[in-house]
Amino acid sequence: MTLDNLLVMVTFTALVAGLVMAFYRLLIGPSLADRVVAMDLVSALTISIIALFAIVTDEAVLLDVVAVVALTSFLGTIAFAYYIEVRKT
């Protein structure tokens, strides 16, 4: 096993561990705002995992998937923020 492979495995493990913790916060979060932030973190970690996989496998097509997921996540976060703001008034 080379140093590159070890670093990729450690990075994947750290990203997946962060994803599990973010899902826990998403399910248990005491307020809607906590859940929105956790969902944003889940999407960011998912984007990171897909991007790292694209780099490791040298598949440029997956970077298009990353762009679509990032844009969808951004729009979802904006929609939830608008919903929270409207709900307060």
PDB file of N, CA and C in Angstrom:
ATOM      1  N   MET A   1       0.847  -1.173   0.000  1.00  0.00           N
ATOM      2  CA  MET A   1       0.000   0.000   0.000  1.00  0.00           C
ATOM      3  C   MET A   1       0.895   1.239   0.000  1.00  0.00           C
ATOM      4  N   THR A   2       0.622   2.116  -0.944  1.00  0.00           N
ATOM      5  CA  THR A   2       1.419   3.325  -1.044  1.00  0.00           C
ATOM      6  C   THR A   2       0.856   4.420  -0.131  1.00  0.00           C
ATOM      7  N   LEU A   3       1.620   5.470   0.007  1.00  0.00           N
ATOM      8  CA  LEU A   3       1.195   6.595   0.839  1.00  0.00           C
ATOM      9  C   LEU A   3      -0.053   7.251   0.257  1.00  0.00           C
ATOM     10  N   ASP A   4      -0.140   7.323  -1.061  1.00  0.00           N
ATOM     11  CA  ASP A   4      -1.317   7.915  -1.702  1.00  0.00           C
ATOM     12  C   ASP A   4      -2.580   7.132  -1.362  1.00  0.00           C
ATOM     13  N   ASN A   5      -2.500   5.818  -1.459  1.00  0.00           N
ATOM     14  CA  ASN A   5      -3.665   4.980  -1.131  1.00  0.00           C
ATOM     15  C   ASN A   5      -4.062   5.138   0.327  1.00  0.00           C
ATOM     16  N   LEU A   6      -3.086   5.217   1.196  1.00  0.00           N
ATOM     17  CA  LEU A   6      -3.374   5.379   2.619  1.00  0.00           C
ATOM     18  C   LEU A   6      -4.069   6.712   2.889  1.00  0.00           C
ATOM     19  N   LEU A   7      -3.576   7.766   2.268  1.00  0.00           N
ATOM     20  CA  LEU A   7      -4.188   9.080   2.454  1.00  0.00           C
ATOM     21  C   LEU A   7      -5.615   9.130   1.913  1.00  0.00           C
ATOM     22  N   VAL A   8      -5.850   8.487   0.789  1.00  0.00           N
ATOM     23  CA  VAL A   8      -7.201   8.443   0.236  1.00  0.00           C
ATOM     24  C   VAL A   8      -8.132   7.670   1.163  1.00  0.00           C
ATOM     25  N   MET A   9      -7.678   6.555   1.693  1.00  0.00           N
ATOM     26  CA  MET A   9      -8.518   5.765   2.601  1.00  0.00           C
ATOM     27  C   MET A   9      -8.813   6.525   3.888  1.00  0.00           C
ATOM     28  N   VAL A  10      -7.815   7.235   4.423  1.00  0.00           N
ATOM     29  CA  VAL A  10      -8.028   8.016   5.640  1.00  0.00           C
ATOM     30  C   VAL A  10      -9.014   9.155   5.358  1.00  0.00           C
ATOM     31  N   THR A  11      -8.884   9.786   4.211  1.00  0.00           N
ATOM     32  CA  THR A  11      -9.787  10.882   3.859  1.00  0.00           C
ATOM     33  C   THR A  11     -11.209  10.379   3.679  1.00  0.00           C
ATOM     34  N   PHE A  12     -11.382   9.265   2.968  1.00  0.00           N
ATOM     35  CA  PHE A  12     -12.720   8.682   2.815  1.00  0.00           C
ATOM     36  C   PHE A  12     -13.317   8.322   4.174  1.00  0.00           C
ATOM     37  N   THR A  13     -12.513   7.755   5.038  1.00  0.00           N
ATOM     38  CA  THR A  13     -13.001   7.369   6.367  1.00  0.00           C
ATOM     39  C   THR A  13     -13.436   8.595   7.163  1.00  0.00           C
ATOM     40  N   ALA A  14     -12.659   9.660   7.101  1.00  0.00           N
ATOM     41  CA  ALA A  14     -13.016  10.883   7.826  1.00  0.00           C
ATOM     42  C   ALA A  14     -14.292  11.502   7.263  1.00  0.00           C
ATOM     43  N   LEU A  15     -14.433  11.503   5.944  1.00  0.00           N
ATOM     44  CA  LEU A  15     -15.643  12.054   5.339  1.00  0.00           C
ATOM     45  C   LEU A  15     -16.875  11.231   5.686  1.00  0.00           C
ATOM     46  N   VAL A  16     -16.744   9.930   5.663  1.00  0.00           N
ATOM     47  CA  VAL A  16     -17.884   9.071   6.010  1.00  0.00           C
ATOM     48  C   VAL A  16     -18.231   9.213   7.490  1.00  0.00           C
ATOM     49  N   ALA A  17     -17.233   9.335   8.357  1.00  0.00           N
ATOM     50  CA  ALA A  17     -17.506   9.548   9.786  1.00  0.00           C
ATOM     51  C   ALA A  17     -18.238  10.874   9.990  1.00  0.00           C
ATOM     52  N   GLY A  18     -17.823  11.908   9.290  1.00  0.00           N
ATOM     53  CA  GLY A  18     -18.519  13.191   9.366  1.00  0.00           C
ATOM     54  C   GLY A  18     -19.936  13.097   8.841  1.00  0.00           C
ATOM     55  N   LEU A  19     -20.131  12.295   7.801  1.00  0.00           N
ATOM     56  CA  LEU A  19     -21.462  12.096   7.234  1.00  0.00           C
ATOM     57  C   LEU A  19     -22.385  11.404   8.227  1.00  0.00           C
ATOM     58  N   VAL A  20     -21.864  10.417   8.933  1.00  0.00           N
ATOM     59  CA  VAL A  20     -22.666   9.721   9.946  1.00  0.00           C
ATOM     60  C   VAL A  20     -23.049  10.679  11.070  1.00  0.00           C
ATOM     61  N   MET A  21     -22.117  11.492  11.514  1.00  0.00           N
ATOM     62  CA  MET A  21     -22.423  12.447  12.593  1.00  0.00           C
ATOM     63  C   MET A  21     -23.411  13.510  12.131  1.00  0.00           C
ATOM     64  N   ALA A  22     -23.298  13.933  10.874  1.00  0.00           N
ATOM     65  CA  ALA A  22     -24.240  14.926  10.353  1.00  0.00           C
ATOM     66  C   ALA A  22     -25.644  14.331  10.229  1.00  0.00           C
ATOM     67  N   PHE A  23     -25.735  13.059   9.819  1.00  0.00           N
ATOM     68  CA  PHE A  23     -27.043  12.398   9.761  1.00  0.00           C
ATOM     69  C   PHE A  23     -27.656  12.278  11.151  1.00  0.00           C
ATOM     70  N   TYR A  24     -26.837  12.019  12.130  1.00  0.00           N
ATOM     71  CA  TYR A  24     -27.328  11.949  13.514  1.00  0.00           C
ATOM     72  C   TYR A  24     -27.919  13.302  13.920  1.00  0.00           C
ATOM     73  N   ARG A  25     -27.220  14.386  13.615  1.00  0.00           N
ATOM     74  CA  ARG A  25     -27.731  15.718  13.953  1.00  0.00           C
ATOM     75  C   ARG A  25     -28.998  16.017  13.154  1.00  0.00           C
ATOM     76  N   LEU A  26     -29.061  15.530  11.928  1.00  0.00           N
ATOM     77  CA  LEU A  26     -30.242  15.731  11.092  1.00  0.00           C
ATOM     78  C   LEU A  26     -31.461  15.053  11.705  1.00  0.00           C
ATOM     79  N   LEU A  27     -31.268  13.866  12.237  1.00  0.00           N
ATOM     80  CA  LEU A  27     -32.384  13.130  12.829  1.00  0.00           C
ATOM     81  C   LEU A  27     -32.744  13.627  14.213  1.00  0.00           C
ATOM     82  N   ILE A  28     -31.769  14.001  15.024  1.00  0.00           N
ATOM     83  CA  ILE A  28     -31.987  14.333  16.427  1.00  0.00           C
ATOM     84  C   ILE A  28     -32.123  15.839  16.658  1.00  0.00           C
ATOM     85  N   GLY A  29     -31.663  16.654  15.710  1.00  0.00           N
ATOM     86  CA  GLY A  29     -31.613  18.106  15.897  1.00  0.00           C
ATOM     87  C   GLY A  29     -32.834  18.682  16.595  1.00  0.00           C
ATOM     88  N   PRO A  30     -32.636  19.495  17.610  1.00  0.00           N
ATOM     89  CA  PRO A  30     -33.778  19.990  18.384  1.00  0.00           C
ATOM     90  C   PRO A  30     -34.631  21.014  17.634  1.00  0.00           C
ATOM     91  N   SER A  31     -34.080  21.723  16.671  1.00  0.00           N
ATOM     92  CA  SER A  31     -34.872  22.732  15.972  1.00  0.00           C
ATOM     93  C   SER A  31     -34.741  22.550  14.461  1.00  0.00           C
ATOM     94  N   LEU A  32     -35.620  23.237  13.754  1.00  0.00           N
ATOM     95  CA  LEU A  32     -35.589  23.163  12.302  1.00  0.00           C
ATOM     96  C   LEU A  32     -34.295  23.767  11.745  1.00  0.00           C
ATOM     97  N   ALA A  33     -33.825  24.831  12.361  1.00  0.00           N
ATOM     98  CA  ALA A  33     -32.579  25.456  11.893  1.00  0.00           C
ATOM     99  C   ALA A  33     -31.394  24.493  12.022  1.00  0.00           C
ATOM    100  N   ASP A  34     -31.347  23.716  13.119  1.00  0.00           N
ATOM    101  CA  ASP A  34     -30.279  22.722  13.274  1.00  0.00           C
ATOM    102  C   ASP A  34     -30.354  21.667  12.181  1.00  0.00           C
ATOM    103  N   ARG A  35     -31.553  21.275  11.840  1.00  0.00           N
ATOM    104  CA  ARG A  35     -31.719  20.260  10.793  1.00  0.00           C
ATOM    105  C   ARG A  35     -31.327  20.808   9.423  1.00  0.00           C
ATOM    106  N   VAL A  36     -31.626  22.069   9.169  1.00  0.00           N
ATOM    107  CA  VAL A  36     -31.237  22.680   7.889  1.00  0.00           C
ATOM    108  C   VAL A  36     -29.721  22.752   7.771  1.00  0.00           C
ATOM    109  N   VAL A  37     -29.061  23.151   8.834  1.00  0.00           N
ATOM    110  CA  VAL A  37     -27.595  23.210   8.823  1.00  0.00           C
ATOM    111  C   VAL A  37     -27.009  21.809   8.651  1.00  0.00           C
ATOM    112  N   ALA A  38     -27.596  20.824   9.319  1.00  0.00           N
ATOM    113  CA  ALA A  38     -27.115  19.442   9.181  1.00  0.00           C
ATOM    114  C   ALA A  38     -27.326  18.937   7.753  1.00  0.00           C
ATOM    115  N   MET A  39     -28.448  19.291   7.147  1.00  0.00           N
ATOM    116  CA  MET A  39     -28.682  18.869   5.766  1.00  0.00           C
ATOM    117  C   MET A  39     -27.688  19.530   4.813  1.00  0.00           C
ATOM    118  N   ASP A  40     -27.350  20.767   5.076  1.00  0.00           N
ATOM    119  CA  ASP A  40     -26.343  21.445   4.272  1.00  0.00           C
ATOM    120  C   ASP A  40     -24.982  20.767   4.434  1.00  0.00           C
ATOM    121  N   LEU A  41     -24.658  20.371   5.653  1.00  0.00           N
ATOM    122  CA  LEU A  41     -23.401  19.668   5.901  1.00  0.00           C
ATOM    123  C   LEU A  41     -23.392  18.299   5.225  1.00  0.00           C
ATOM    124  N   VAL A  42     -24.524  17.602   5.258  1.00  0.00           N
ATOM    125  CA  VAL A  42     -24.617  16.302   4.578  1.00  0.00           C
ATOM    126  C   VAL A  42     -24.360  16.474   3.084  1.00  0.00           C
ATOM    127  N   SER A  43     -24.954  17.493   2.489  1.00  0.00           N
ATOM    128  CA  SER A  43     -24.736  17.688   1.057  1.00  0.00           C
ATOM    129  C   SER A  43     -23.288  18.090   0.759  1.00  0.00           C
ATOM    130  N   ALA A  44     -22.678  18.896   1.616  1.00  0.00           N
ATOM    131  CA  ALA A  44     -21.278  19.275   1.405  1.00  0.00           C
ATOM    132  C   ALA A  44     -20.356  18.063   1.521  1.00  0.00           C
ATOM    133  N   LEU A  45     -20.624  17.206   2.491  1.00  0.00           N
ATOM    134  CA  LEU A  45     -19.805  15.997   2.636  1.00  0.00           C
ATOM    135  C   LEU A  45     -20.028  15.035   1.474  1.00  0.00           C
ATOM    136  N   THR A  46     -21.263  14.944   0.996  1.00  0.00           N
ATOM    137  CA  THR A  46     -21.550  14.100  -0.165  1.00  0.00           C
ATOM    138  C   THR A  46     -20.813  14.614  -1.392  1.00  0.00           C
ATOM    139  N   ILE A  47     -20.813  15.923  -1.570  1.00  0.00           N
ATOM    140  CA  ILE A  47     -20.079  16.531  -2.678  1.00  0.00           C
ATOM    141  C   ILE A  47     -18.582  16.220  -2.557  1.00  0.00           C
ATOM    142  N   SER A  48     -18.063  16.304  -1.347  1.00  0.00           N
ATOM    143  CA  SER A  48     -16.645  16.011  -1.134  1.00  0.00           C
ATOM    144  C   SER A  48     -16.309  14.560  -1.439  1.00  0.00           C
ATOM    145  N   ILE A  49     -17.174  13.655  -1.031  1.00  0.00           N
ATOM    146  CA  ILE A  49     -16.943  12.232  -1.295  1.00  0.00           C
ATOM    147  C   ILE A  49     -16.973  11.951  -2.792  1.00  0.00           C
ATOM    148  N   ILE A  50     -17.958  12.507  -3.489  1.00  0.00           N
ATOM    149  CA  ILE A  50     -18.048  12.277  -4.932  1.00  0.00           C
ATOM    150  C   ILE A  50     -16.843  12.896  -5.643  1.00  0.00           C
ATOM    151  N   ALA A  51     -16.434  14.094  -5.225  1.00  0.00           N
ATOM    152  CA  ALA A  51     -15.280  14.744  -5.861  1.00  0.00           C
ATOM    153  C   ALA A  51     -13.997  13.950  -5.627  1.00  0.00           C
ATOM    154  N   LEU A  52     -13.808  13.466  -4.411  1.00  0.00           N
ATOM    155  CA  LEU A  52     -12.617  12.661  -4.126  1.00  0.00           C
ATOM    156  C   LEU A  52     -12.632  11.368  -4.939  1.00  0.00           C
ATOM    157  N   PHE A  53     -13.801  10.754  -5.050  1.00  0.00           N
ATOM    158  CA  PHE A  53     -13.919   9.537  -5.854  1.00  0.00           C
ATOM    159  C   PHE A  53     -13.619   9.831  -7.327  1.00  0.00           C
ATOM    160  N   ALA A  54     -14.074  10.983  -7.816  1.00  0.00           N
ATOM    161  CA  ALA A  54     -13.793  11.361  -9.205  1.00  0.00           C
ATOM    162  C   ALA A  54     -12.305  11.558  -9.433  1.00  0.00           C
ATOM    163  N   ILE A  55     -11.636  12.131  -8.461  1.00  0.00           N
ATOM    164  CA  ILE A  55     -10.194  12.349  -8.592  1.00  0.00           C
ATOM    165  C   ILE A  55      -9.438  11.028  -8.557  1.00  0.00           C
ATOM    166  N   VAL A  56      -9.837  10.143  -7.632  1.00  0.00           N
ATOM    167  CA  VAL A  56      -9.139   8.865  -7.488  1.00  0.00           C
ATOM    168  C   VAL A  56      -9.329   7.987  -8.717  1.00  0.00           C
ATOM    169  N   THR A  57     -10.561   7.946  -9.247  1.00  0.00           N
ATOM    170  CA  THR A  57     -10.845   7.077 -10.393  1.00  0.00           C
ATOM    171  C   THR A  57     -10.606   7.750 -11.730  1.00  0.00           C
ATOM    172  N   ASP A  58     -10.271   9.041 -11.712  1.00  0.00           N
ATOM    173  CA  ASP A  58     -10.017   9.810 -12.929  1.00  0.00           C
ATOM    174  C   ASP A  58     -11.235   9.820 -13.859  1.00  0.00           C
ATOM    175  N   GLU A  59     -12.411  10.012 -13.266  1.00  0.00           N
ATOM    176  CA  GLU A  59     -13.670  10.094 -14.002  1.00  0.00           C
ATOM    177  C   GLU A  59     -14.159  11.535 -13.964  1.00  0.00           C
ATOM    178  N   ALA A  60     -13.950  12.266 -15.044  1.00  0.00           N
ATOM    179  CA  ALA A  60     -14.336  13.681 -15.090  1.00  0.00           C
ATOM    180  C   ALA A  60     -15.853  13.855 -15.121  1.00  0.00           C
ATOM    181  N   VAL A  61     -16.581  12.831 -15.549  1.00  0.00           N
ATOM    182  CA  VAL A  61     -18.044  12.907 -15.618  1.00  0.00           C
ATOM    183  C   VAL A  61     -18.639  13.136 -14.234  1.00  0.00           C
ATOM    184  N   LEU A  62     -18.024  12.601 -13.213  1.00  0.00           N
ATOM    185  CA  LEU A  62     -18.550  12.747 -11.862  1.00  0.00           C
ATOM    186  C   LEU A  62     -18.485  14.185 -11.370  1.00  0.00           C
ATOM    187  N   LEU A  63     -17.633  14.994 -11.947  1.00  0.00           N
ATOM    188  CA  LEU A  63     -17.573  16.394 -11.552  1.00  0.00           C
ATOM    189  C   LEU A  63     -18.823  17.146 -11.996  1.00  0.00           C
ATOM    190  N   ASP A  64     -19.476  16.693 -13.066  1.00  0.00           N
ATOM    191  CA  ASP A  64     -20.776  17.248 -13.443  1.00  0.00           C
ATOM    192  C   ASP A  64     -21.821  16.927 -12.390  1.00  0.00           C
ATOM    193  N   VAL A  65     -21.754  15.722 -11.856  1.00  0.00           N
ATOM    194  CA  VAL A  65     -22.666  15.332 -10.773  1.00  0.00           C
ATOM    195  C   VAL A  65     -22.437  16.209  -9.553  1.00  0.00           C
ATOM    196  N   VAL A  66     -21.187  16.487  -9.265  1.00  0.00           N
ATOM    197  CA  VAL A  66     -20.854  17.356  -8.132  1.00  0.00           C
ATOM    198  C   VAL A  66     -21.469  18.740  -8.329  1.00  0.00           C
ATOM    199  N   ALA A  67     -21.385  19.277  -9.528  1.00  0.00           N
ATOM    200  CA  ALA A  67     -21.945  20.605  -9.799  1.00  0.00           C
ATOM    201  C   ALA A  67     -23.465  20.610  -9.631  1.00  0.00           C
ATOM    202  N   VAL A  68     -24.127  19.581 -10.107  1.00  0.00           N
ATOM    203  CA  VAL A  68     -25.592  19.500  -9.979  1.00  0.00           C
ATOM    204  C   VAL A  68     -25.998  19.369  -8.522  1.00  0.00           C
ATOM    205  N   VAL A  69     -25.327  18.521  -7.773  1.00  0.00           N
ATOM    206  CA  VAL A  69     -25.648  18.350  -6.354  1.00  0.00           C
ATOM    207  C   VAL A  69     -25.389  19.646  -5.583  1.00  0.00           C
ATOM    208  N   ALA A  70     -24.325  20.343  -5.904  1.00  0.00           N
ATOM    209  CA  ALA A  70     -24.009  21.599  -5.220  1.00  0.00           C
ATOM    210  C   ALA A  70     -25.071  22.657  -5.498  1.00  0.00           C
ATOM    211  N   LEU A  71     -25.489  22.789  -6.738  1.00  0.00           N
ATOM    212  CA  LEU A  71     -26.523  23.771  -7.064  1.00  0.00           C
ATOM    213  C   LEU A  71     -27.861  23.422  -6.424  1.00  0.00           C
ATOM    214  N   THR A  72     -28.218  22.158  -6.454  1.00  0.00           N
ATOM    215  CA  THR A  72     -29.464  21.723  -5.823  1.00  0.00           C
ATOM    216  C   THR A  72     -29.416  21.950  -4.320  1.00  0.00           C
ATOM    217  N   SER A  73     -28.308  21.660  -3.712  1.00  0.00           N
ATOM    218  CA  SER A  73     -28.149  21.869  -2.278  1.00  0.00           C
ATOM    219  C   SER A  73     -28.257  23.347  -1.928  1.00  0.00           C
ATOM    220  N   PHE A  74     -27.632  24.199  -2.720  1.00  0.00           N
ATOM    221  CA  PHE A  74     -27.701  25.634  -2.471  1.00  0.00           C
ATOM    222  C   PHE A  74     -29.138  26.133  -2.553  1.00  0.00           C
ATOM    223  N   LEU A  75     -29.850  25.712  -3.585  1.00  0.00           N
ATOM    224  CA  LEU A  75     -31.243  26.149  -3.723  1.00  0.00           C
ATOM    225  C   LEU A  75     -32.112  25.617  -2.590  1.00  0.00           C
ATOM    226  N   GLY A  76     -31.862  24.400  -2.156  1.00  0.00           N
ATOM    227  CA  GLY A  76     -32.606  23.844  -1.031  1.00  0.00           C
ATOM    228  C   GLY A  76     -32.343  24.599   0.258  1.00  0.00           C
ATOM    229  N   THR A  77     -31.118  24.971   0.493  1.00  0.00           N
ATOM    230  CA  THR A  77     -30.772  25.733   1.695  1.00  0.00           C
ATOM    231  C   THR A  77     -31.437  27.110   1.670  1.00  0.00           C
ATOM    232  N   ILE A  78     -31.433  27.753   0.522  1.00  0.00           N
ATOM    233  CA  ILE A  78     -32.092  29.055   0.390  1.00  0.00           C
ATOM    234  C   ILE A  78     -33.599  28.918   0.612  1.00  0.00           C
ATOM    235  N   ALA A  79     -34.199  27.868   0.088  1.00  0.00           N
ATOM    236  CA  ALA A  79     -35.637  27.662   0.270  1.00  0.00           C
ATOM    237  C   ALA A  79     -35.982  27.435   1.738  1.00  0.00           C
ATOM    238  N   PHE A  80     -35.182  26.630   2.440  1.00  0.00           N
ATOM    239  CA  PHE A  80     -35.426  26.406   3.870  1.00  0.00           C
ATOM    240  C   PHE A  80     -35.234  27.689   4.669  1.00  0.00           C
ATOM    241  N   ALA A  81     -34.228  28.478   4.334  1.00  0.00           N
ATOM    242  CA  ALA A  81     -34.002  29.741   5.037  1.00  0.00           C
ATOM    243  C   ALA A  81     -35.184  30.687   4.833  1.00  0.00           C
ATOM    244  N   TYR A  82     -35.706  30.728   3.622  1.00  0.00           N
ATOM    245  CA  TYR A  82     -36.880  31.559   3.348  1.00  0.00           C
ATOM    246  C   TYR A  82     -38.088  31.052   4.143  1.00  0.00           C
ATOM    247  N   TYR A  83     -38.261  29.738   4.185  1.00  0.00           N
ATOM    248  CA  TYR A  83     -39.374  29.153   4.941  1.00  0.00           C
ATOM    249  C   TYR A  83     -39.268  29.488   6.432  1.00  0.00           C
ATOM    250  N   ILE A  84     -38.081  29.385   6.989  1.00  0.00           N
ATOM    251  CA  ILE A  84     -37.896  29.701   8.403  1.00  0.00           C
ATOM    252  C   ILE A  84     -38.194  31.183   8.658  1.00  0.00           C
ATOM    253  N   GLU A  85     -37.757  32.054   7.758  1.00  0.00           N
ATOM    254  CA  GLU A  85     -37.997  33.498   7.921  1.00  0.00           C
ATOM    255  C   GLU A  85     -39.488  33.814   7.833  1.00  0.00           C
ATOM    256  N   VAL A  86     -40.180  33.210   6.878  1.00  0.00           N
ATOM    257  CA  VAL A  86     -41.614  33.480   6.722  1.00  0.00           C
ATOM    258  C   VAL A  86     -42.397  32.911   7.899  1.00  0.00           C
ATOM    259  N   ARG A  87     -41.980  31.793   8.416  1.00  0.00           N
ATOM    260  CA  ARG A  87     -42.691  31.138   9.516  1.00  0.00           C
ATOM    261  C   ARG A  87     -42.604  31.954  10.806  1.00  0.00           C
ATOM    262  N   LYS A  88     -41.541  32.708  10.989  1.00  0.00           N
ATOM    263  CA  LYS A  88     -41.359  33.508  12.225  1.00  0.00           C
ATOM    264  C   LYS A  88     -42.332  34.683  12.277  1.00  0.00           C
ATOM    265  N   THR A  89     -42.705  35.223  11.126  1.00  0.00           N
ATOM    266  CA  THR A  89     -43.583  36.401  11.124  1.00  0.00           C
ATOM    267  C   THR A  89     -45.033  36.042  11.164  1.00  0.00           C
TER     268      THR A  89
END
